[in-house]
Amino acid sequence: MEEQGYIEVKIDGKVGNKSIKPIDIDIAEIKEIISDVETFLYPTRTEKAERPHISYKIEEGSARDLFYLPISGVLLFNGLSTEIKSRGNIDFLDNKRAEIIDKFQRKALESNLEISFISSSAIDPILKINKDTSYFKIAANYIETEFVLYGKINEEGGNNPNFHLLTKEYGKLVVSASEQQLLEGEKRLFKIYGVRAKGKQNLTDGKPFDLKLIDYITYNPNFDEHKLDLLIKRASIKLNAISNVDNWLLEIRGGVNG
């Protein structure tokens, strides 16, 4: 059996005037940290399927998230963390690992936290992420745009009002909405609707996220060829007046950097 060790993600900060403790960490945050550490170590679907057994516990001393795994995983964690600290950036990381560190960096800035990477094979923290570090993902991984989406409205409500839209193309999408938008008009729960929403689109898989409702569109499955021809005719007049359509599309999407 391979030698075992541990890696640790330690979170230091304040809740009010008191130092953060494990009891201050919500279960949703714990779930997210566990998922992020797994992805940082084993980013691909194949690697996740073949990864070794990893156990977890959270301890006092601020909030210490401990992961017990074979020493090969500890050495991988050490190597990646050391290289990040040495380079001072995350440009060399693959997309998924870079996204995890970028997320930790943004969380550290937003909540004034210090997040330390520690392991059983090192006395001192290997990597520290705080308000003074800049481990951001430089390359754009999404664009901000508007969407027209169709699907069944599956859930509504919540403390932060939203609804779930079950789509064929992207699966379940969460769309934020105001209470007034959810309540006005007819009941939409379990009905198929179109929605016009603004949000972000992942450039890797095309999936929309951070969606905010603009308006509902009544679903009409009947195809009206006459209306389609009329819309194409109207659009063609405007498109023909544009000298470079590719550049025009790039501009309305926010330019090369999104």
Protein backbone atom coordinates (compact mmCIF):
# COMPACT_ATOMS: atom_id res chain seq x y z
CA MET A 1 0.00 0.00 0.00
CA GLU A 2 1.33 3.45 -0.93
CA GLU A 3 2.48 5.74 1.85
CA GLN A 4 -0.23 8.18 2.96
CA GLY A 5 -0.04 11.89 3.68
CA TYR A 6 -2.30 14.92 3.74
CA ILE A 7 -2.81 18.26 2.08
CA GLU A 8 -4.51 21.21 3.71
CA VAL A 9 -6.38 24.29 2.59
CA LYS A 10 -6.38 26.67 5.57
CA ILE A 11 -8.68 29.68 5.61
CA ASP A 12 -7.83 32.63 7.88
CA GLY A 13 -10.06 35.66 8.23
CA LYS A 14 -12.70 37.40 10.30
CA VAL A 15 -16.42 36.94 10.82
CA GLY A 16 -17.41 40.24 12.39
CA ASN A 17 -14.70 40.88 14.97
CA LYS A 18 -13.91 37.22 15.59
CA SER A 19 -11.51 34.89 13.82
CA ILE A 20 -13.16 32.48 11.43
CA LYS A 21 -13.90 28.97 12.75
CA PRO A 22 -15.15 25.76 11.13
CA ILE A 23 -18.67 26.44 12.41
CA ASP A 24 -18.70 29.64 10.29
CA ILE A 25 -18.23 27.67 7.06
CA ASP A 26 -21.53 26.79 5.37
CA ILE A 27 -21.96 23.25 4.01
CA ALA A 28 -22.26 24.65 0.48
CA GLU A 29 -18.81 26.24 0.87
CA ILE A 30 -17.39 22.98 2.25
CA LYS A 31 -18.81 21.08 -0.71
CA GLU A 32 -17.29 23.63 -3.09
CA ILE A 33 -13.84 23.44 -1.45
CA ILE A 34 -13.87 19.63 -1.64
CA SER A 35 -14.85 19.75 -5.32
CA ASP A 36 -12.23 22.44 -6.08
CA VAL A 37 -9.40 20.49 -4.43
CA GLU A 38 -10.39 17.33 -6.33
CA THR A 39 -10.39 19.26 -9.62
CA PHE A 40 -7.06 20.94 -8.82
CA LEU A 41 -5.43 17.53 -8.33
CA TYR A 42 -7.37 15.57 -10.94
CA PRO A 43 -8.83 18.00 -13.51
CA THR A 44 -10.04 15.60 -16.22
CA ARG A 45 -12.96 13.20 -16.13
CA THR A 46 -10.60 10.24 -16.63
CA GLU A 47 -8.30 11.37 -13.81
CA LYS A 48 -11.28 11.79 -11.48
CA ALA A 49 -12.53 8.30 -12.33
CA GLU A 50 -9.11 6.77 -11.64
CA ARG A 51 -8.05 8.90 -8.64
CA PRO A 52 -7.13 7.23 -5.33
CA HIS A 53 -9.28 7.24 -2.21
CA ILE A 54 -9.34 10.65 -0.52
CA SER A 55 -10.82 11.26 2.93
CA TYR A 56 -11.70 14.63 4.43
CA LYS A 57 -12.17 16.43 7.73
CA ILE A 58 -12.32 20.02 8.91
CA GLU A 59 -10.47 21.14 12.06
CA GLU A 60 -10.05 24.17 14.29
CA GLY A 61 -7.18 26.61 13.88
CA SER A 62 -9.12 29.09 11.77
CA ALA A 63 -10.74 26.67 9.30
CA ARG A 64 -8.45 23.80 8.27
CA ASP A 65 -9.71 21.64 5.41
CA LEU A 66 -7.66 18.44 5.51
CA PHE A 67 -7.50 15.86 2.73
CA TYR A 68 -5.83 12.47 3.33
CA LEU A 69 -4.52 10.69 0.25
CA PRO A 70 -1.51 8.74 -1.10
CA ILE A 71 1.85 10.52 -1.05
CA SER A 72 1.89 10.77 -4.85
CA GLY A 73 -1.11 13.13 -4.60
CA VAL A 74 0.67 15.15 -1.90
CA LEU A 75 3.75 15.53 -4.11
CA LEU A 76 1.59 16.63 -7.05
CA PHE A 77 -0.07 19.25 -4.82
CA ASN A 78 3.35 20.41 -3.57
CA GLY A 79 4.77 20.68 -7.07
CA LEU A 80 1.86 22.69 -8.49
CA SER A 81 1.70 25.01 -5.46
CA THR A 82 5.47 25.60 -5.44
CA GLU A 83 5.48 26.42 -9.15
CA ILE A 84 2.62 28.91 -8.73
CA LYS A 85 4.50 30.68 -5.92
CA SER A 86 7.78 30.62 -7.85
CA ARG A 87 6.31 32.08 -11.04
CA GLY A 88 3.96 34.49 -9.31
CA ASN A 89 1.21 33.69 -11.81
CA ILE A 90 -1.00 30.83 -13.03
CA ASP A 91 -0.48 31.26 -16.78
CA PHE A 92 1.24 27.86 -17.05
CA LEU A 93 -1.66 25.92 -15.54
CA ASP A 94 -4.27 24.14 -17.61
CA ASN A 95 -7.67 25.84 -17.83
CA LYS A 96 -9.43 23.96 -15.01
CA ARG A 97 -6.61 24.27 -12.49
CA ALA A 98 -6.20 27.96 -13.32
CA GLU A 99 -9.92 28.51 -12.73
CA ILE A 100 -9.65 26.96 -9.24
CA ILE A 101 -6.76 29.23 -8.19
CA ASP A 102 -8.49 32.24 -9.76
CA LYS A 103 -11.59 31.40 -7.69
CA PHE A 104 -9.55 31.22 -4.47
CA GLN A 105 -7.87 34.54 -5.33
CA ARG A 106 -11.19 36.30 -5.91
CA LYS A 107 -12.63 34.86 -2.71
CA ALA A 108 -9.58 36.07 -0.78
CA LEU A 109 -10.05 39.61 -2.17
CA GLU A 110 -13.82 39.77 -1.75
CA SER A 111 -13.85 38.51 1.86
CA ASN A 112 -10.37 39.64 2.99
CA LEU A 113 -9.22 36.08 3.60
CA GLU A 114 -5.84 34.38 3.51
CA ILE A 115 -5.93 30.92 1.98
CA SER A 116 -2.87 28.77 2.65
CA PHE A 117 -1.84 25.55 0.90
CA ILE A 118 -0.05 23.22 3.35
CA SER A 119 0.95 19.57 3.25
CA SER A 120 2.32 16.81 5.48
CA SER A 121 5.71 17.05 3.74
CA ALA A 122 6.31 20.77 4.39
CA ILE A 123 6.61 22.66 7.68
CA ASP A 124 5.60 26.06 6.30
CA PRO A 125 2.73 26.91 3.92
CA ILE A 126 3.73 26.18 0.33
CA LEU A 127 1.47 28.87 -1.12
CA LYS A 128 -0.50 31.78 0.33
CA ILE A 129 -3.33 33.55 -1.48
CA ASN A 130 -4.51 36.87 -0.06
CA LYS A 131 -5.31 40.49 -0.97
CA ASP A 132 -1.65 41.12 -1.84
CA THR A 133 -1.33 38.29 -4.37
CA SER A 134 -2.55 38.35 -7.98
CA TYR A 135 -3.13 34.79 -9.06
CA PHE A 136 -5.73 35.64 -11.70
CA LYS A 137 -6.56 33.78 -14.86
CA ILE A 138 -5.63 36.19 -17.64
CA ALA A 139 -7.14 34.55 -20.71
CA ALA A 140 -10.85 35.26 -21.19
CA ASN A 141 -12.92 32.14 -20.57
CA TYR A 142 -16.34 33.64 -21.16
CA ILE A 143 -18.21 36.38 -22.98
CA GLU A 144 -21.12 38.45 -21.70
CA THR A 145 -24.12 38.36 -24.01
CA GLU A 146 -27.88 37.88 -24.25
CA PHE A 147 -29.61 34.54 -24.72
CA VAL A 148 -32.95 33.25 -25.89
CA LEU A 149 -33.48 29.89 -24.17
CA TYR A 150 -36.34 27.41 -24.19
CA GLY A 151 -37.19 24.76 -21.61
CA LYS A 152 -39.43 23.63 -18.78
CA ILE A 153 -39.54 25.79 -15.65
CA ASN A 154 -38.86 23.28 -12.90
CA GLU A 155 -38.38 25.26 -9.67
CA GLU A 156 -39.11 28.81 -8.53
CA GLY A 157 -38.34 30.91 -5.46
CA GLY A 158 -35.47 30.80 -3.01
CA ASN A 159 -33.89 33.42 -0.75
CA ASN A 160 -32.25 34.88 -3.86
CA PRO A 161 -35.22 34.61 -6.26
CA ASN A 162 -34.58 32.44 -9.29
CA PHE A 163 -36.02 29.60 -11.32
CA HIS A 164 -34.56 26.47 -12.90
CA LEU A 165 -34.96 26.05 -16.64
CA LEU A 166 -34.55 22.50 -17.98
CA THR A 167 -33.14 22.83 -21.50
CA LYS A 168 -32.24 20.22 -24.12
CA GLU A 169 -29.01 21.98 -25.10
CA TYR A 170 -27.47 22.76 -21.71
CA GLY A 171 -29.39 20.78 -19.09
CA LYS A 172 -30.52 22.68 -16.00
CA LEU A 173 -29.84 26.42 -15.95
CA VAL A 174 -30.43 28.74 -13.00
CA VAL A 175 -31.93 32.09 -13.97
CA SER A 176 -32.06 34.95 -11.44
CA ALA A 177 -35.26 37.02 -11.40
CA SER A 178 -37.01 39.56 -9.21
CA GLU A 179 -39.98 38.56 -7.04
CA GLN A 180 -42.20 40.70 -9.27
CA GLN A 181 -41.04 38.84 -12.39
CA LEU A 182 -41.77 35.50 -10.74
CA LEU A 183 -45.21 36.52 -9.51
CA GLU A 184 -46.60 38.55 -12.39
CA GLY A 185 -48.71 36.93 -15.11
CA GLU A 186 -49.81 33.30 -15.19
CA LYS A 187 -48.30 30.43 -13.24
CA ARG A 188 -45.34 29.12 -15.20
CA LEU A 189 -44.15 26.24 -13.01
CA PHE A 190 -43.79 22.95 -14.96
CA LYS A 191 -44.64 24.68 -18.24
CA ILE A 192 -42.40 25.13 -21.27
CA TYR A 193 -41.35 28.74 -21.78
CA GLY A 194 -38.81 30.77 -23.63
CA VAL A 195 -36.79 33.30 -21.71
CA ARG A 196 -34.67 36.21 -22.80
CA ALA A 197 -31.79 36.59 -20.36
CA LYS A 198 -28.45 38.32 -20.07
CA GLY A 199 -25.44 36.48 -18.71
CA LYS A 200 -22.13 34.85 -19.50
CA GLN A 201 -21.25 32.08 -21.92
CA ASN A 202 -18.40 29.69 -21.22
CA LEU A 203 -16.01 29.69 -24.17
CA THR A 204 -14.95 26.11 -23.43
CA ASP A 205 -18.29 24.32 -23.59
CA GLY A 206 -20.69 27.11 -24.64
CA LYS A 207 -22.85 26.76 -21.51
CA PRO A 208 -24.58 29.93 -20.22
CA PHE A 209 -24.20 30.92 -16.55
CA ASP A 210 -24.84 33.88 -14.20
CA LEU A 211 -28.15 34.37 -16.02
CA LYS A 212 -30.55 37.21 -15.18
CA LEU A 213 -34.06 37.28 -16.60
CA ILE A 214 -34.99 40.07 -19.00
CA ASP A 215 -38.39 38.77 -20.10
CA TYR A 216 -40.44 35.64 -20.69
CA ILE A 217 -41.34 34.44 -24.18
CA THR A 218 -44.53 32.41 -24.63
CA TYR A 219 -43.55 29.09 -26.18
CA ASN A 220 -45.07 28.58 -29.62
CA PRO A 221 -43.94 25.38 -31.38
CA ASN A 222 -45.72 26.27 -34.64
CA PHE A 223 -43.32 27.27 -37.40
CA ASP A 224 -44.40 30.34 -39.36
CA GLU A 225 -42.40 30.33 -42.60
CA HIS A 226 -43.90 33.64 -43.77
CA LYS A 227 -42.75 35.46 -40.60
CA LEU A 228 -39.29 33.93 -40.86
CA ASP A 229 -38.93 35.07 -44.50
CA LEU A 230 -40.06 38.57 -43.52
CA LEU A 231 -37.51 38.78 -40.69
CA ILE A 232 -34.71 37.52 -42.95
CA LYS A 233 -35.67 40.12 -45.58
CA ARG A 234 -35.61 42.95 -43.05
CA ALA A 235 -32.30 41.82 -41.54
CA SER A 236 -30.68 41.41 -44.96
CA ILE A 237 -31.17 45.10 -45.73
CA LYS A 238 -29.22 46.12 -42.62
CA LEU A 239 -26.56 43.41 -43.01
CA ASN A 240 -25.89 44.41 -46.61
CA ALA A 241 -25.08 47.92 -45.41
CA ILE A 242 -22.31 46.59 -43.14
CA SER A 243 -18.96 46.47 -44.91
CA ASN A 244 -17.39 43.83 -42.65
CA VAL A 245 -19.91 41.59 -40.88
CA ASP A 246 -17.24 39.63 -38.97
CA ASN A 247 -15.78 42.79 -37.42
CA TRP A 248 -19.28 44.06 -36.61
CA LEU A 249 -20.15 40.83 -34.77
CA LEU A 250 -16.85 40.99 -32.89
CA GLU A 251 -17.56 44.56 -31.79
CA ILE A 252 -21.05 43.88 -30.45
CA ARG A 253 -19.68 40.92 -28.48
CA GLY A 254 -17.15 43.16 -26.78
CA GLY A 255 -14.09 42.86 -28.99
CA VAL A 256 -11.31 40.27 -29.01
CA ASN A 257 -11.10 40.07 -25.20
CA GLY A 258 -14.84 39.70 -24.70
